PDB file of N, CA and C in Angstrom:
ATOM      1  N   MET A   1     122.779  94.995  99.295  1.00  0.00           N
ATOM      2  CA  MET A   1     121.570  95.090 100.246  1.00  0.00           C
ATOM      3  C   MET A   1     121.595  93.972 101.297  1.00  0.00           C
ATOM      4  N   ILE A   2     120.926  94.617 102.329  1.00  0.00           N
ATOM      5  CA  ILE A   2     120.702  93.689 103.459  1.00  0.00           C
ATOM      6  C   ILE A   2     119.454  92.789 103.340  1.00  0.00           C
ATOM      7  N   GLU A   3     119.324  91.586 103.295  1.00  0.00           N
ATOM      8  CA  GLU A   3     118.295  90.807 102.737  1.00  0.00           C
ATOM      9  C   GLU A   3     117.201  90.729 104.147  1.00  0.00           C
ATOM     10  N   ASP A   4     117.716  90.392 105.250  1.00  0.00           N
ATOM     11  CA  ASP A   4     116.844  90.352 106.444  1.00  0.00           C
ATOM     12  C   ASP A   4     117.892  90.631 107.621  1.00  0.00           C
ATOM     13  N   SER A   5     117.271  90.511 108.806  1.00  0.00           N
ATOM     14  CA  SER A   5     117.968  91.124 110.119  1.00  0.00           C
ATOM     15  C   SER A   5     118.329  89.781 110.906  1.00  0.00           C
ATOM     16  N   SER A   6     118.107  88.629 110.594  1.00  0.00           N
ATOM     17  CA  SER A   6     118.225  87.512 111.238  1.00  0.00           C
ATOM     18  C   SER A   6     120.072  86.973 111.146  1.00  0.00           C
ATOM     19  N   GLY A   7     120.564  86.477 112.209  1.00  0.00           N
ATOM     20  CA  GLY A   7     121.767  85.880 111.978  1.00  0.00           C
ATOM     21  C   GLY A   7     122.930  86.870 111.853  1.00  0.00           C
ATOM     22  N   LYS A   8     123.538  86.558 110.882  1.00  0.00           N
ATOM     23  CA  LYS A   8     124.835  87.504 110.077  1.00  0.00           C
ATOM     24  C   LYS A   8     124.421  88.767 109.864  1.00  0.00           C
ATOM     25  N   ASN A   9     123.109  88.949 109.355  1.00  0.00           N
ATOM     26  CA  ASN A   9     122.825  90.247 108.761  1.00  0.00           C
ATOM     27  C   ASN A   9     122.350  91.092 109.958  1.00  0.00           C
ATOM     28  N   ARG A  10     121.918  90.476 111.302  1.00  0.00           N
ATOM     29  CA  ARG A  10     121.802  91.299 112.297  1.00  0.00           C
ATOM     30  C   ARG A  10     123.016  92.174 112.766  1.00  0.00           C
ATOM     31  N   LEU A  11     124.147  91.566 112.486  1.00  0.00           N
ATOM     32  CA  LEU A  11     125.530  92.078 112.780  1.00  0.00           C
ATOM     33  C   LEU A  11     125.881  93.280 111.738  1.00  0.00           C
ATOM     34  N   ASN A  12     125.272  92.830 110.490  1.00  0.00           N
ATOM     35  CA  ASN A  12     125.438  94.156 109.435  1.00  0.00           C
ATOM     36  C   ASN A  12     124.750  95.339 110.069  1.00  0.00           C
ATOM     37  N   LEU A  13     123.387  95.087 110.436  1.00  0.00           N
ATOM     38  CA  LEU A  13     122.612  96.151 110.897  1.00  0.00           C
ATOM     39  C   LEU A  13     123.241  96.952 112.232  1.00  0.00           C
ATOM     40  N   LYS A  14     123.881  96.014 112.938  1.00  0.00           N
ATOM     41  CA  LYS A  14     124.707  96.691 113.957  1.00  0.00           C
ATOM     42  C   LYS A  14     125.743  97.775 113.542  1.00  0.00           C
ATOM     43  N   GLN A  15     126.560  97.020 112.575  1.00  0.00           N
ATOM     44  CA  GLN A  15     127.777  97.808 112.130  1.00  0.00           C
ATOM     45  C   GLN A  15     127.092  98.925 111.337  1.00  0.00           C
ATOM     46  N   LEU A  16     126.008  98.850 110.601  1.00  0.00           N
ATOM     47  CA  LEU A  16     125.522 100.110 109.806  1.00  0.00           C
ATOM     48  C   LEU A  16     125.132 101.128 110.816  1.00  0.00           C
ATOM     49  N   ALA A  17     124.487 100.618 111.934  1.00  0.00           N
ATOM     50  CA  ALA A  17     124.161 101.888 113.014  1.00  0.00           C
ATOM     51  C   ALA A  17     125.089 102.415 113.470  1.00  0.00           C
ATOM     52  N   ILE A  18     126.199 101.680 113.708  1.00  0.00           N
ATOM     53  CA  ILE A  18     127.556 102.264 114.104  1.00  0.00           C
ATOM     54  C   ILE A  18     128.147 103.463 113.273  1.00  0.00           C
ATOM     55  N   ASP A  19     128.350 103.097 111.956  1.00  0.00           N
ATOM     56  CA  ASP A  19     128.844 103.760 110.736  1.00  0.00           C
ATOM     57  C   ASP A  19     127.741 104.934 110.697  1.00  0.00           C
ATOM     58  N   ILE A  20     126.540 104.777 110.954  1.00  0.00           N
ATOM     59  CA  ILE A  20     125.579 106.023 110.720  1.00  0.00           C
ATOM     60  C   ILE A  20     125.991 107.057 111.715  1.00  0.00           C
ATOM     61  N   VAL A  21     126.046 106.703 112.998  1.00  0.00           N
ATOM     62  CA  VAL A  21     126.359 107.630 114.124  1.00  0.00           C
ATOM     63  C   VAL A  21     127.782 108.084 113.900  1.00  0.00           C
ATOM     64  N   GLU A  22     128.659 107.201 113.399  1.00  0.00           N
ATOM     65  CA  GLU A  22     130.098 107.796 113.304  1.00  0.00           C
ATOM     66  C   GLU A  22     130.221 108.855 111.966  1.00  0.00           C
ATOM     67  N   GLY A  23     129.335 109.082 111.226  1.00  0.00           N
ATOM     68  CA  GLY A  23     129.147 109.845 110.031  1.00  0.00           C
ATOM     69  C   GLY A  23     130.019 108.984 108.770  1.00  0.00           C
ATOM     70  N   LYS A  24     129.925 107.941 108.814  1.00  0.00           N
ATOM     71  CA  LYS A  24     130.567 107.220 107.659  1.00  0.00           C
ATOM     72  C   LYS A  24     129.750 106.929 106.455  1.00  0.00           C
ATOM     73  N   VAL A  25     128.257 107.319 106.736  1.00  0.00           N
ATOM     74  CA  VAL A  25     127.363 106.927 105.896  1.00  0.00           C
ATOM     75  C   VAL A  25     126.424 108.080 105.428  1.00  0.00           C
ATOM     76  N   PHE A  26     126.062 108.252 104.075  1.00  0.00           N
ATOM     77  CA  PHE A  26     125.225 109.256 103.640  1.00  0.00           C
ATOM     78  C   PHE A  26     123.879 108.464 103.106  1.00  0.00           C
ATOM     79  N   GLY A  27     122.524 109.009 103.799  1.00  0.00           N
ATOM     80  CA  GLY A  27     121.510 108.386 103.704  1.00  0.00           C
ATOM     81  C   GLY A  27     120.249 109.199 103.127  1.00  0.00           C
ATOM     82  N   SER A  28     119.421 108.577 102.224  1.00  0.00           N
ATOM     83  CA  SER A  28     118.362 109.473 101.692  1.00  0.00           C
ATOM     84  C   SER A  28     117.727 110.240 102.697  1.00  0.00           C
ATOM     85  N   TRP A  29     117.720 109.905 103.904  1.00  0.00           N
ATOM     86  CA  TRP A  29     117.120 110.621 105.175  1.00  0.00           C
ATOM     87  C   TRP A  29     117.936 111.971 105.274  1.00  0.00           C
ATOM     88  N   MET A  30     119.189 112.141 104.709  1.00  0.00           N
ATOM     89  CA  MET A  30     119.561 113.373 104.873  1.00  0.00           C
ATOM     90  C   MET A  30     119.328 114.308 103.736  1.00  0.00           C
ATOM     91  N   LEU A  31     118.683 114.023 102.821  1.00  0.00           N
ATOM     92  CA  LEU A  31     118.171 115.002 101.903  1.00  0.00           C
ATOM     93  C   LEU A  31     117.074 115.903 102.163  1.00  0.00           C
ATOM     94  N   LYS A  32     117.267 117.344 101.776  1.00  0.00           N
ATOM     95  CA  LYS A  32     116.222 118.186 102.120  1.00  0.00           C
ATOM     96  C   LYS A  32     115.136 118.053 101.350  1.00  0.00           C
ATOM     97  N   ASP A  33     115.255 117.678  99.910  1.00  0.00           N
ATOM     98  CA  ASP A  33     114.145 117.389  99.186  1.00  0.00           C
ATOM     99  C   ASP A  33     114.308 115.959  98.649  1.00  0.00           C
ATOM    100  N   PRO A  34     113.323 115.118  98.826  1.00  0.00           N
ATOM    101  CA  PRO A  34     113.352 113.883  98.256  1.00  0.00           C
ATOM    102  C   PRO A  34     113.514 113.782  96.792  1.00  0.00           C
ATOM    103  N   LYS A  35     113.365 114.637  96.103  1.00  0.00           N
ATOM    104  CA  LYS A  35     113.335 114.706  94.553  1.00  0.00           C
ATOM    105  C   LYS A  35     114.887 114.645  94.072  1.00  0.00           C
ATOM    106  N   ASP A  36     115.741 115.215  95.156  1.00  0.00           N
ATOM    107  CA  ASP A  36     117.104 115.095  94.953  1.00  0.00           C
ATOM    108  C   ASP A  36     117.797 113.697  94.970  1.00  0.00           C
ATOM    109  N   ILE A  37     117.085 112.637  95.335  1.00  0.00           N
ATOM    110  CA  ILE A  37     117.521 111.339  95.560  1.00  0.00           C
ATOM    111  C   ILE A  37     118.431 110.695  94.125  1.00  0.00           C
ATOM    112  N   GLY A  38     117.634 111.148  93.004  1.00  0.00           N
ATOM    113  CA  GLY A  38     118.471 110.672  91.857  1.00  0.00           C
ATOM    114  C   GLY A  38     119.489 111.219  91.382  1.00  0.00           C
ATOM    115  N   MET A  39     119.802 112.156  91.834  1.00  0.00           N
ATOM    116  CA  MET A  39     121.225 113.007  91.516  1.00  0.00           C
ATOM    117  C   MET A  39     122.253 112.798  92.536  1.00  0.00           C
ATOM    118  N   VAL A  40     121.992 112.159  93.538  1.00  0.00           N
ATOM    119  CA  VAL A  40     122.791 111.555  94.485  1.00  0.00           C
ATOM    120  C   VAL A  40     123.016 110.253  94.308  1.00  0.00           C
ATOM    121  N   PHE A  41     122.215 109.463  94.219  1.00  0.00           N
ATOM    122  CA  PHE A  41     122.279 107.916  94.022  1.00  0.00           C
ATOM    123  C   PHE A  41     122.077 107.736  92.535  1.00  0.00           C
ATOM    124  N   LEU A  42     123.000 107.637  91.701  1.00  0.00           N
ATOM    125  CA  LEU A  42     122.937 107.763  90.192  1.00  0.00           C
ATOM    126  C   LEU A  42     122.314 106.496  89.753  1.00  0.00           C
ATOM    127  N   PRO A  43     122.345 105.302  90.217  1.00  0.00           N
ATOM    128  CA  PRO A  43     121.770 104.028  89.636  1.00  0.00           C
ATOM    129  C   PRO A  43     120.323 104.293  89.722  1.00  0.00           C
ATOM    130  N   LEU A  44     119.645 104.817  90.443  1.00  0.00           N
ATOM    131  CA  LEU A  44     118.194 105.181  90.556  1.00  0.00           C
ATOM    132  C   LEU A  44     117.693 105.981  89.434  1.00  0.00           C
ATOM    133  N   ILE A  45     118.506 106.696  88.721  1.00  0.00           N
ATOM    134  CA  ILE A  45     118.350 107.311  87.403  1.00  0.00           C
ATOM    135  C   ILE A  45     117.815 106.284  86.320  1.00  0.00           C
ATOM    136  N   PHE A  46     118.883 105.249  86.253  1.00  0.00           N
ATOM    137  CA  PHE A  46     118.722 104.484  85.341  1.00  0.00           C
ATOM    138  C   PHE A  46     117.814 103.162  85.434  1.00  0.00           C
ATOM    139  N   ALA A  47     117.311 103.066  86.736  1.00  0.00           N
ATOM    140  CA  ALA A  47     116.361 102.045  86.989  1.00  0.00           C
ATOM    141  C   ALA A  47     114.944 102.298  86.474  1.00  0.00           C
ATOM    142  N   ALA A  48     114.404 101.359  85.970  1.00  0.00           N
ATOM    143  CA  ALA A  48     112.970 101.667  85.843  1.00  0.00           C
ATOM    144  C   ALA A  48     112.088 101.470  86.865  1.00  0.00           C
ATOM    145  N   SER A  49     111.017 102.330  86.907  1.00  0.00           N
ATOM    146  CA  SER A  49     110.158 102.519  88.214  1.00  0.00           C
ATOM    147  C   SER A  49     109.412 101.100  88.455  1.00  0.00           C
ATOM    148  N   LYS A  50     109.343 100.225  87.228  1.00  0.00           N
ATOM    149  CA  LYS A  50     108.678  98.873  87.318  1.00  0.00           C
ATOM    150  C   LYS A  50     109.593  97.975  88.358  1.00  0.00           C
ATOM    151  N   ASP A  51     110.808  98.391  88.114  1.00  0.00           N
ATOM    152  CA  ASP A  51     112.009  97.297  89.025  1.00  0.00           C
ATOM    153  C   ASP A  51     111.609  97.610  90.482  1.00  0.00           C
ATOM    154  N   PHE A  52     111.006  98.628  90.909  1.00  0.00           N
ATOM    155  CA  PHE A  52     110.821  98.776  92.305  1.00  0.00           C
ATOM    156  C   PHE A  52     109.225  98.471  92.745  1.00  0.00           C
ATOM    157  N   GLU A  53     108.393  97.991  91.805  1.00  0.00           N
ATOM    158  CA  GLU A  53     107.070  97.743  92.120  1.00  0.00           C
ATOM    159  C   GLU A  53     107.090  96.683  93.236  1.00  0.00           C
ATOM    160  N   GLY A  54     106.205  96.790  94.196  1.00  0.00           N
ATOM    161  CA  GLY A  54     106.247  95.714  95.199  1.00  0.00           C
ATOM    162  C   GLY A  54     107.520  95.460  96.134  1.00  0.00           C
ATOM    163  N   VAL A  55     108.335  96.516  96.122  1.00  0.00           N
ATOM    164  CA  VAL A  55     109.638  96.310  96.891  1.00  0.00           C
ATOM    165  C   VAL A  55     109.633  97.124  97.850  1.00  0.00           C
ATOM    166  N   ASP A  56     109.740  96.847  99.180  1.00  0.00           N
ATOM    167  CA  ASP A  56     109.571  97.519 100.304  1.00  0.00           C
ATOM    168  C   ASP A  56     110.887  98.237 100.615  1.00  0.00           C
ATOM    169  N   ILE A  57     111.238  99.464  99.923  1.00  0.00           N
ATOM    170  CA  ILE A  57     112.362 100.092 100.031  1.00  0.00           C
ATOM    171  C   ILE A  57     112.034 101.566 100.533  1.00  0.00           C
ATOM    172  N   VAL A  58     112.399 102.080 101.845  1.00  0.00           N
ATOM    173  CA  VAL A  58     112.005 103.140 102.299  1.00  0.00           C
ATOM    174  C   VAL A  58     113.358 104.130 102.621  1.00  0.00           C
ATOM    175  N   SER A  59     114.481 103.473 102.475  1.00  0.00           N
ATOM    176  CA  SER A  59     115.826 104.418 102.819  1.00  0.00           C
ATOM    177  C   SER A  59     116.818 103.871 101.677  1.00  0.00           C
ATOM    178  N   VAL A  60     117.533 104.618 101.163  1.00  0.00           N
ATOM    179  CA  VAL A  60     118.739 104.513 100.268  1.00  0.00           C
ATOM    180  C   VAL A  60     120.107 104.958 100.926  1.00  0.00           C
ATOM    181  N   TYR A  61     121.025 104.343 101.032  1.00  0.00           N
ATOM    182  CA  TYR A  61     122.442 104.750 101.641  1.00  0.00           C
ATOM    183  C   TYR A  61     123.511 104.329 100.970  1.00  0.00           C
ATOM    184  N   GLU A  62     124.643 104.992 101.194  1.00  0.00           N
ATOM    185  CA  GLU A  62     125.856 104.475 100.840  1.00  0.00           C
ATOM    186  C   GLU A  62     127.030 105.218 101.737  1.00  0.00           C
ATOM    187  N   TYR A  63     128.151 104.326 101.664  1.00  0.00           N
ATOM    188  CA  TYR A  63     129.176 105.062 102.627  1.00  0.00           C
ATOM    189  C   TYR A  63     130.016 105.987 101.738  1.00  0.00           C
ATOM    190  N   TYR A  64     130.383 107.168 102.592  1.00  0.00           N
ATOM    191  CA  TYR A  64     131.075 108.293 102.044  1.00  0.00           C
ATOM    192  C   TYR A  64     132.306 107.873 101.325  1.00  0.00           C
ATOM    193  N   ASP A  65     133.083 106.796 101.495  1.00  0.00           N
ATOM    194  CA  ASP A  65     134.253 106.419 100.905  1.00  0.00           C
ATOM    195  C   ASP A  65     133.912 105.849  99.447  1.00  0.00           C
ATOM    196  N   LYS A  66     132.828 105.598  99.336  1.00  0.00           N
ATOM    197  CA  LYS A  66     132.205 105.033  97.809  1.00  0.00           C
ATOM    198  C   LYS A  66     131.760 106.452  96.833  1.00  0.00           C
ATOM    199  N   ALA A  67     132.014 107.586  97.480  1.00  0.00           N
ATOM    200  CA  ALA A  67     131.312 108.782  96.710  1.00  0.00           C
ATOM    201  C   ALA A  67     132.452 109.138  95.505  1.00  0.00           C
ATOM    202  N   LEU A  68     131.608 109.321  94.482  1.00  0.00           N
ATOM    203  CA  LEU A  68     132.446 109.968  93.456  1.00  0.00           C
ATOM    204  C   LEU A  68     133.149 111.256  93.530  1.00  0.00           C
ATOM    205  N   PRO A  69     134.435 111.500  92.826  1.00  0.00           N
ATOM    206  CA  PRO A  69     134.821 112.554  93.046  1.00  0.00           C
ATOM    207  C   PRO A  69     134.296 114.009  93.207  1.00  0.00           C
ATOM    208  N   ARG A  70     133.312 114.116  92.505  1.00  0.00           N
ATOM    209  CA  ARG A  70     132.367 115.476  92.399  1.00  0.00           C
ATOM    210  C   ARG A  70     131.045 115.186  93.080  1.00  0.00           C
ATOM    211  N   GLY A  71     130.436 116.266  93.375  1.00  0.00           N
ATOM    212  CA  GLY A  71     129.162 116.256  94.098  1.00  0.00           C
ATOM    213  C   GLY A  71     128.176 117.269  93.511  1.00  0.00           C
ATOM    214  N   VAL A  72     127.173 117.114  93.800  1.00  0.00           N
ATOM    215  CA  VAL A  72     125.954 118.040  93.206  1.00  0.00           C
ATOM    216  C   VAL A  72     125.326 118.997  94.186  1.00  0.00           C
ATOM    217  N   ASN A  73     125.168 120.220  94.216  1.00  0.00           N
ATOM    218  CA  ASN A  73     124.598 120.895  95.168  1.00  0.00           C
ATOM    219  C   ASN A  73     124.827 120.764  96.490  1.00  0.00           C
ATOM    220  N   GLY A  74     125.897 120.296  96.789  1.00  0.00           N
ATOM    221  CA  GLY A  74     126.504 120.216  98.081  1.00  0.00           C
ATOM    222  C   GLY A  74     126.284 118.671  98.662  1.00  0.00           C
ATOM    223  N   TYR A  75     125.905 117.975  98.006  1.00  0.00           N
ATOM    224  CA  TYR A  75     125.300 116.483  98.309  1.00  0.00           C
ATOM    225  C   TYR A  75     126.676 115.693  97.482  1.00  0.00           C
ATOM    226  N   PRO A  76     127.041 114.486  98.115  1.00  0.00           N
ATOM    227  CA  PRO A  76     127.899 113.645  97.312  1.00  0.00           C
ATOM    228  C   PRO A  76     127.276 112.837  96.388  1.00  0.00           C
ATOM    229  N   CYS A  77     127.857 112.065  95.464  1.00  0.00           N
ATOM    230  CA  CYS A  77     127.133 111.454  94.255  1.00  0.00           C
ATOM    231  C   CYS A  77     127.672 110.145  94.462  1.00  0.00           C
ATOM    232  N   PHE A  78     126.960 109.091  94.204  1.00  0.00           N
ATOM    233  CA  PHE A  78     127.423 107.494  94.365  1.00  0.00           C
ATOM    234  C   PHE A  78     127.033 107.112  92.946  1.00  0.00           C
ATOM    235  N   ALA A  79     128.116 106.105  92.854  1.00  0.00           N
ATOM    236  CA  ALA A  79     127.603 105.042  91.472  1.00  0.00           C
ATOM    237  C   ALA A  79     126.934 103.871  92.153  1.00  0.00           C
ATOM    238  N   SER A  80     126.899 103.480  93.404  1.00  0.00           N
ATOM    239  CA  SER A  80     126.202 102.618  93.864  1.00  0.00           C
ATOM    240  C   SER A  80     125.136 103.004  94.964  1.00  0.00           C
ATOM    241  N   ALA A  81     124.442 102.096  95.478  1.00  0.00           N
ATOM    242  CA  ALA A  81     123.510 102.347  96.484  1.00  0.00           C
ATOM    243  C   ALA A  81     123.152 100.955  97.337  1.00  0.00           C
ATOM    244  N   ASN A  82     122.752 101.269  98.656  1.00  0.00           N
ATOM    245  CA  ASN A  82     122.141 100.082  99.384  1.00  0.00           C
ATOM    246  C   ASN A  82     120.756 100.493  99.698  1.00  0.00           C
ATOM    247  N   PHE A  83     119.883  99.603 100.103  1.00  0.00           N
ATOM    248  CA  PHE A  83     118.525  99.880 100.406  1.00  0.00           C
ATOM    249  C   PHE A  83     118.061  99.096 101.850  1.00  0.00           C
ATOM    250  N   LEU A  84     117.111  99.830 102.400  1.00  0.00           N
ATOM    251  CA  LEU A  84     116.652  99.536 103.827  1.00  0.00           C
ATOM    252  C   LEU A  84     115.092  99.293 103.649  1.00  0.00           C
ATOM    253  N   SER A  85     114.490  98.232 103.931  1.00  0.00           N
ATOM    254  CA  SER A  85     113.027  98.166 104.021  1.00  0.00           C
ATOM    255  C   SER A  85     112.419  98.794 105.255  1.00  0.00           C
ATOM    256  N   SER A  86     111.369  98.721 105.230  1.00  0.00           N
ATOM    257  CA  SER A  86     110.669  99.464 106.646  1.00  0.00           C
ATOM    258  C   SER A  86     111.036  98.569 107.563  1.00  0.00           C
ATOM    259  N   LYS A  87     111.143  97.428 107.690  1.00  0.00           N
ATOM    260  CA  LYS A  87     111.380  96.505 108.759  1.00  0.00           C
ATOM    261  C   LYS A  87     112.752  96.525 109.234  1.00  0.00           C
ATOM    262  N   GLN A  88     113.686  96.831 108.175  1.00  0.00           N
ATOM    263  CA  GLN A  88     114.932  97.023 108.726  1.00  0.00           C
ATOM    264  C   GLN A  88     115.186  98.442 109.407  1.00  0.00           C
ATOM    265  N   VAL A  89     114.389  99.485 108.992  1.00  0.00           N
ATOM    266  CA  VAL A  89     114.552 100.835 109.477  1.00  0.00           C
ATOM    267  C   VAL A  89     114.102 100.580 110.817  1.00  0.00           C
ATOM    268  N   GLU A  90     112.935  99.820 111.122  1.00  0.00           N
ATOM    269  CA  GLU A  90     112.363  99.694 112.388  1.00  0.00           C
ATOM    270  C   GLU A  90     113.318  99.134 113.370  1.00  0.00           C
ATOM    271  N   GLU A  91     114.078  98.095 112.869  1.00  0.00           N
ATOM    272  CA  GLU A  91     115.098  97.589 113.680  1.00  0.00           C
ATOM    273  C   GLU A  91     116.345  98.373 113.953  1.00  0.00           C
ATOM    274  N   ILE A  92     116.794  99.045 112.934  1.00  0.00           N
ATOM    275  CA  ILE A  92     117.975  99.894 113.124  1.00  0.00           C
ATOM    276  C   ILE A  92     117.983 101.208 113.885  1.00  0.00           C
ATOM    277  N   GLN A  93     116.890 101.796 113.946  1.00  0.00           N
ATOM    278  CA  GLN A  93     116.647 102.846 114.740  1.00  0.00           C
ATOM    279  C   GLN A  93     116.884 102.705 116.220  1.00  0.00           C
ATOM    280  N   PRO A  94     116.649 101.847 116.817  1.00  0.00           N
ATOM    281  CA  PRO A  94     117.034 101.678 118.334  1.00  0.00           C
ATOM    282  C   PRO A  94     118.256 101.329 118.411  1.00  0.00           C
ATOM    283  N   LEU A  95     118.951 100.661 117.340  1.00  0.00           N
ATOM    284  CA  LEU A  95     120.484 100.431 117.399  1.00  0.00           C
ATOM    285  C   LEU A  95     121.067 101.632 117.484  1.00  0.00           C
ATOM    286  N   ILE A  96     120.831 102.376 116.572  1.00  0.00           N
ATOM    287  CA  ILE A  96     121.453 103.790 116.355  1.00  0.00           C
ATOM    288  C   ILE A  96     121.197 104.730 117.658  1.00  0.00           C
ATOM    289  N   ASP A  97     119.790 104.578 118.294  1.00  0.00           N
ATOM    290  CA  ASP A  97     119.587 105.233 119.539  1.00  0.00           C
ATOM    291  C   ASP A  97     120.530 104.686 120.698  1.00  0.00           C
ATOM    292  N   GLN A  98     120.727 103.594 120.825  1.00  0.00           N
ATOM    293  CA  GLN A  98     121.475 102.705 121.813  1.00  0.00           C
ATOM    294  C   GLN A  98     122.862 103.360 121.571  1.00  0.00           C
ATOM    295  N   TYR A  99     123.500 103.035 120.563  1.00  0.00           N
ATOM    296  CA  TYR A  99     124.932 103.257 120.245  1.00  0.00           C
ATOM    297  C   TYR A  99     125.193 104.925 120.525  1.00  0.00           C
ATOM    298  N   GLN A 100     124.293 105.797 120.135  1.00  0.00           N
ATOM    299  CA  GLN A 100     124.336 107.268 120.312  1.00  0.00           C
ATOM    300  C   GLN A 100     124.510 107.323 121.778  1.00  0.00           C
ATOM    301  N   ASN A 101     123.455 106.858 122.578  1.00  0.00           N
ATOM    302  CA  ASN A 101     123.395 107.078 123.996  1.00  0.00           C
ATOM    303  C   ASN A 101     124.696 106.573 124.851  1.00  0.00           C
ATOM    304  N   MET A 102     125.210 105.305 124.337  1.00  0.00           N
ATOM    305  CA  MET A 102     126.434 104.661 124.709  1.00  0.00           C
ATOM    306  C   MET A 102     127.424 105.622 124.542  1.00  0.00           C
ATOM    307  N   LYS A 103     127.667 106.270 123.412  1.00  0.00           N
ATOM    308  CA  LYS A 103     128.806 107.311 122.942  1.00  0.00           C
ATOM    309  C   LYS A 103     128.725 108.332 123.955  1.00  0.00           C
ATOM    310  N   ASN A 104     127.402 108.924 124.055  1.00  0.00           N
ATOM    311  CA  ASN A 104     127.296 109.895 124.871  1.00  0.00           C
ATOM    312  C   ASN A 104     127.725 109.953 126.195  1.00  0.00           C
ATOM    313  N   THR A 105     127.243 108.800 126.776  1.00  0.00           N
ATOM    314  CA  THR A 105     127.709 108.279 128.134  1.00  0.00           C
ATOM    315  C   THR A 105     129.027 108.502 128.303  1.00  0.00           C
ATOM    316  N   PHE A 106     129.897 107.756 127.587  1.00  0.00           N
ATOM    317  CA  PHE A 106     131.095 107.598 127.491  1.00  0.00           C
ATOM    318  C   PHE A 106     132.082 108.703 127.473  1.00  0.00           C
ATOM    319  N   ILE A 107     131.420 109.769 126.662  1.00  0.00           N
ATOM    320  CA  ILE A 107     132.166 110.855 126.674  1.00  0.00           C
ATOM    321  C   ILE A 107     131.875 112.147 127.493  1.00  0.00           C
ATOM    322  N   GLY A 108     130.462 111.526 128.422  1.00  0.00           N
ATOM    323  CA  GLY A 108     130.268 112.530 129.235  1.00  0.00           C
ATOM    324  C   GLY A 108     129.127 113.289 128.894  1.00  0.00           C
ATOM    325  N   GLY A 109     128.336 112.927 127.928  1.00  0.00           N
ATOM    326  CA  GLY A 109     127.067 113.823 127.603  1.00  0.00           C
ATOM    327  C   GLY A 109     127.309 114.534 126.569  1.00  0.00           C
ATOM    328  N   ASN A 110     126.716 115.665 126.420  1.00  0.00           N
ATOM    329  CA  ASN A 110     126.890 116.740 125.443  1.00  0.00           C
ATOM    330  C   ASN A 110     127.945 117.785 125.676  1.00  0.00           C
ATOM    331  N   LYS A 111     128.908 117.585 126.777  1.00  0.00           N
ATOM    332  CA  LYS A 111     129.933 118.204 127.021  1.00  0.00           C
ATOM    333  C   LYS A 111     130.840 118.452 125.939  1.00  0.00           C
ATOM    334  N   ASP A 112     131.520 119.392 125.929  1.00  0.00           N
ATOM    335  CA  ASP A 112     132.658 119.429 124.887  1.00  0.00           C
ATOM    336  C   ASP A 112     133.896 118.865 125.621  1.00  0.00           C
ATOM    337  N   VAL A 113     134.232 117.684 125.233  1.00  0.00           N
ATOM    338  CA  VAL A 113     135.304 116.923 125.778  1.00  0.00           C
ATOM    339  C   VAL A 113     136.790 117.490 125.462  1.00  0.00           C
ATOM    340  N   ALA A 114     136.767 117.816 124.470  1.00  0.00           N
ATOM    341  CA  ALA A 114     138.347 118.338 124.172  1.00  0.00           C
ATOM    342  C   ALA A 114     138.613 119.875 124.871  1.00  0.00           C
ATOM    343  N   ASN A 115     137.366 120.536 125.109  1.00  0.00           N
ATOM    344  CA  ASN A 115     137.809 121.866 126.151  1.00  0.00           C
ATOM    345  C   ASN A 115     137.323 121.483 127.709  1.00  0.00           C
ATOM    346  N   ASP A 116     137.200 120.313 128.216  1.00  0.00           N
ATOM    347  CA  ASP A 116     137.037 120.010 129.605  1.00  0.00           C
ATOM    348  C   ASP A 116     138.242 119.431 130.370  1.00  0.00           C
ATOM    349  N   GLU A 117     139.071 120.274 130.742  1.00  0.00           N
ATOM    350  CA  GLU A 117     140.258 119.983 131.287  1.00  0.00           C
ATOM    351  C   GLU A 117     140.313 120.403 132.757  1.00  0.00           C
TER     352      GLU A 117
END
């Protein structure tokens, strides 16, 4: 879990933003039904609700390379999870937008680069 966004952890947020844009991360924001979170992030099934009282967690994520061999209902399943607080989500969103814009500018916007000869 990323504790705060100062110093070294700011670099972690930047790397996470890059990895989200590059499609290396599955996050709770990708679920159509929030009730599916427990079947995707299995540790949440075994955690008691009192464990999360007073904790500022708004997003759960994990890297695809840590997915279990089987999924459920088209979603991957994970035996581990990472969490983002509301402050971290506020900080990472502009980083995601900045990296996505930089990537789009580099490849020429929304054009299909592979067919642009």
